[in-house]
Amino acid sequence: MAASPRRTDLDEQQLIEKHIDLDYDRYPYRRAGVWLRKSGASVWAIVMFLDMYGGDREEIAHHFDISQEEIDAALAYYRRNKKYVDARITLEEA
């Protein structure tokens, strides 16, 4: 499994804006509940399953039918909103 190259903050912001629906008011969990625009997969689920699959990005891409770029966008969003997304994951695991 090859890791994606590290992106700059501007690159990450552009990825987030391209792939993540940032209309927080649409989600009951606000920042913690955002989804990918194209697939509708939630960022928290991608992060949770990535951990469950031991970081296997190919398995995540297959499971959610998403691209590696969408995974990069979800992870960039997660890095910037970790406390919110982690709280959402905790709710799911409870």
C-alpha atoms as a PDB file:
ATOM      1  CA  MET A   1       0.000   0.000   0.000  1.00  0.00           C
ATOM      2  CA  ALA A   2       1.602   3.256  -1.108  1.00  0.00           C
ATOM      3  CA  ALA A   3       0.979   6.320   1.013  1.00  0.00           C
ATOM      4  CA  SER A   4      -0.260   9.457  -0.690  1.00  0.00           C
ATOM      5  CA  PRO A   5       2.273  12.279  -0.880  1.00  0.00           C
ATOM      6  CA  ARG A   6       1.914  14.931   1.827  1.00  0.00           C
ATOM      7  CA  ARG A   7      -0.133  17.842   0.560  1.00  0.00           C
ATOM      8  CA  THR A   8       0.202  21.499   1.466  1.00  0.00           C
ATOM      9  CA  ASP A   9      -2.477  23.226   3.531  1.00  0.00           C
ATOM     10  CA  LEU A  10      -3.770  24.932   0.377  1.00  0.00           C
ATOM     11  CA  ASP A  11      -3.889  21.613  -1.504  1.00  0.00           C
ATOM     12  CA  GLU A  12      -5.787  20.043   1.390  1.00  0.00           C
ATOM     13  CA  GLN A  13      -8.254  22.931   1.557  1.00  0.00           C
ATOM     14  CA  GLN A  14      -8.916  22.628  -2.177  1.00  0.00           C
ATOM     15  CA  LEU A  15      -9.463  18.865  -1.803  1.00  0.00           C
ATOM     16  CA  ILE A  16     -11.871  19.435   1.064  1.00  0.00           C
ATOM     17  CA  GLU A  17     -13.830  22.046  -0.874  1.00  0.00           C
ATOM     18  CA  LYS A  18     -13.952  19.811  -3.951  1.00  0.00           C
ATOM     19  CA  HIS A  19     -15.127  16.618  -2.252  1.00  0.00           C
ATOM     20  CA  ILE A  20     -16.714  17.437   1.118  1.00  0.00           C
ATOM     21  CA  ASP A  21     -20.173  18.974   1.490  1.00  0.00           C
ATOM     22  CA  LEU A  22     -19.398  21.753   3.971  1.00  0.00           C
ATOM     23  CA  ASP A  23     -23.002  22.876   4.478  1.00  0.00           C
ATOM     24  CA  TYR A  24     -22.889  22.049   8.203  1.00  0.00           C
ATOM     25  CA  ASP A  25     -26.451  23.210   8.810  1.00  0.00           C
ATOM     26  CA  ARG A  26     -27.747  20.235   6.785  1.00  0.00           C
ATOM     27  CA  TYR A  27     -26.333  17.699   9.216  1.00  0.00           C
ATOM     28  CA  PRO A  28     -27.689  16.901  12.660  1.00  0.00           C
ATOM     29  CA  TYR A  29     -24.125  16.447  13.935  1.00  0.00           C
ATOM     30  CA  ARG A  30     -22.865  19.601  12.193  1.00  0.00           C
ATOM     31  CA  ARG A  31     -19.073  19.403  11.581  1.00  0.00           C
ATOM     32  CA  ALA A  32     -18.987  15.826  12.838  1.00  0.00           C
ATOM     33  CA  GLY A  33     -21.483  14.575  10.268  1.00  0.00           C
ATOM     34  CA  VAL A  34     -20.273  15.851   6.900  1.00  0.00           C
ATOM     35  CA  TRP A  35     -20.341  13.646   3.808  1.00  0.00           C
ATOM     36  CA  LEU A  36     -18.488  13.279   0.548  1.00  0.00           C
ATOM     37  CA  ARG A  37     -20.388  15.107  -2.194  1.00  0.00           C
ATOM     38  CA  LYS A  38     -20.344  12.370  -4.845  1.00  0.00           C
ATOM     39  CA  SER A  39     -20.837   9.164  -2.866  1.00  0.00           C
ATOM     40  CA  GLY A  40     -22.597  10.404   0.252  1.00  0.00           C
ATOM     41  CA  ALA A  41     -20.136   8.480   2.453  1.00  0.00           C
ATOM     42  CA  SER A  42     -19.629  10.188   5.787  1.00  0.00           C
ATOM     43  CA  VAL A  43     -16.174  11.285   6.874  1.00  0.00           C
ATOM     44  CA  TRP A  44     -16.579   9.653  10.285  1.00  0.00           C
ATOM     45  CA  ALA A  45     -17.417   6.288   8.682  1.00  0.00           C
ATOM     46  CA  ILE A  46     -14.404   6.464   6.380  1.00  0.00           C
ATOM     47  CA  VAL A  47     -12.133   7.222   9.336  1.00  0.00           C
ATOM     48  CA  MET A  48     -13.710   4.491  11.468  1.00  0.00           C
ATOM     49  CA  PHE A  49     -13.491   1.852   8.733  1.00  0.00           C
ATOM     50  CA  LEU A  50      -9.944   2.864   7.855  1.00  0.00           C
ATOM     51  CA  ASP A  51      -9.008   2.010  11.422  1.00  0.00           C
ATOM     52  CA  MET A  52     -11.001  -1.247  11.273  1.00  0.00           C
ATOM     53  CA  TYR A  53      -9.278  -2.251   8.013  1.00  0.00           C
ATOM     54  CA  GLY A  54      -5.828  -1.496   9.425  1.00  0.00           C
ATOM     55  CA  GLY A  55      -5.288   1.527   7.190  1.00  0.00           C
ATOM     56  CA  ASP A  56      -5.930  -0.383   3.951  1.00  0.00           C
ATOM     57  CA  ARG A  57      -6.925   2.446   1.610  1.00  0.00           C
ATOM     58  CA  GLU A  58      -7.713   0.076  -1.271  1.00  0.00           C
ATOM     59  CA  GLU A  59     -10.223  -1.772   0.908  1.00  0.00           C
ATOM     60  CA  ILE A  60     -11.817   1.537   1.954  1.00  0.00           C
ATOM     61  CA  ALA A  61     -12.020   2.705  -1.661  1.00  0.00           C
ATOM     62  CA  HIS A  62     -13.712  -0.560  -2.595  1.00  0.00           C
ATOM     63  CA  HIS A  63     -16.017  -0.636   0.454  1.00  0.00           C
ATOM     64  CA  PHE A  64     -17.342   2.896  -0.124  1.00  0.00           C
ATOM     65  CA  ASP A  65     -16.848   2.949  -3.915  1.00  0.00           C
ATOM     66  CA  ILE A  66     -14.734   6.110  -3.675  1.00  0.00           C
ATOM     67  CA  SER A  67     -11.453   7.329  -5.133  1.00  0.00           C
ATOM     68  CA  GLN A  68      -8.135   7.716  -3.370  1.00  0.00           C
ATOM     69  CA  GLU A  69      -8.528  11.479  -3.783  1.00  0.00           C
ATOM     70  CA  GLU A  70     -11.845  11.315  -1.895  1.00  0.00           C
ATOM     71  CA  ILE A  71     -10.100   9.387   0.880  1.00  0.00           C
ATOM     72  CA  ASP A  72      -7.420  12.095   0.949  1.00  0.00           C
ATOM     73  CA  ALA A  73     -10.143  14.748   1.218  1.00  0.00           C
ATOM     74  CA  ALA A  74     -11.887  12.892   4.057  1.00  0.00           C
ATOM     75  CA  LEU A  75      -8.606  12.506   5.946  1.00  0.00           C
ATOM     76  CA  ALA A  76      -7.676  16.154   5.385  1.00  0.00           C
ATOM     77  CA  TYR A  77     -11.074  17.177   6.778  1.00  0.00           C
ATOM     78  CA  TYR A  78     -10.567  14.793   9.681  1.00  0.00           C
ATOM     79  CA  ARG A  79      -7.169  16.294  10.561  1.00  0.00           C
ATOM     80  CA  ARG A  80      -8.764  19.730  10.721  1.00  0.00           C
ATOM     81  CA  ASN A  81     -11.860  18.627  12.660  1.00  0.00           C
ATOM     82  CA  LYS A  82     -10.549  15.688  14.657  1.00  0.00           C
ATOM     83  CA  LYS A  83     -12.347  16.425  17.928  1.00  0.00           C
ATOM     84  CA  TYR A  84     -15.732  16.635  16.202  1.00  0.00           C
ATOM     85  CA  VAL A  85     -15.288  13.539  14.065  1.00  0.00           C
ATOM     86  CA  ASP A  86     -13.839  11.523  16.956  1.00  0.00           C
ATOM     87  CA  ALA A  87     -16.869  12.474  19.065  1.00  0.00           C
ATOM     88  CA  ARG A  88     -19.172  11.217  16.298  1.00  0.00           C
ATOM     89  CA  ILE A  89     -17.249   7.948  16.095  1.00  0.00           C
ATOM     90  CA  THR A  90     -17.557   7.568  19.860  1.00  0.00           C
ATOM     91  CA  LEU A  91     -21.329   7.964  19.567  1.00  0.00           C
ATOM     92  CA  GLU A  92     -21.457   5.231  16.926  1.00  0.00           C
ATOM     93  CA  GLU A  93     -19.376   2.871  19.034  1.00  0.00           C
ATOM     94  CA  ALA A  94     -21.490   3.424  22.167  1.00  0.00           C
END
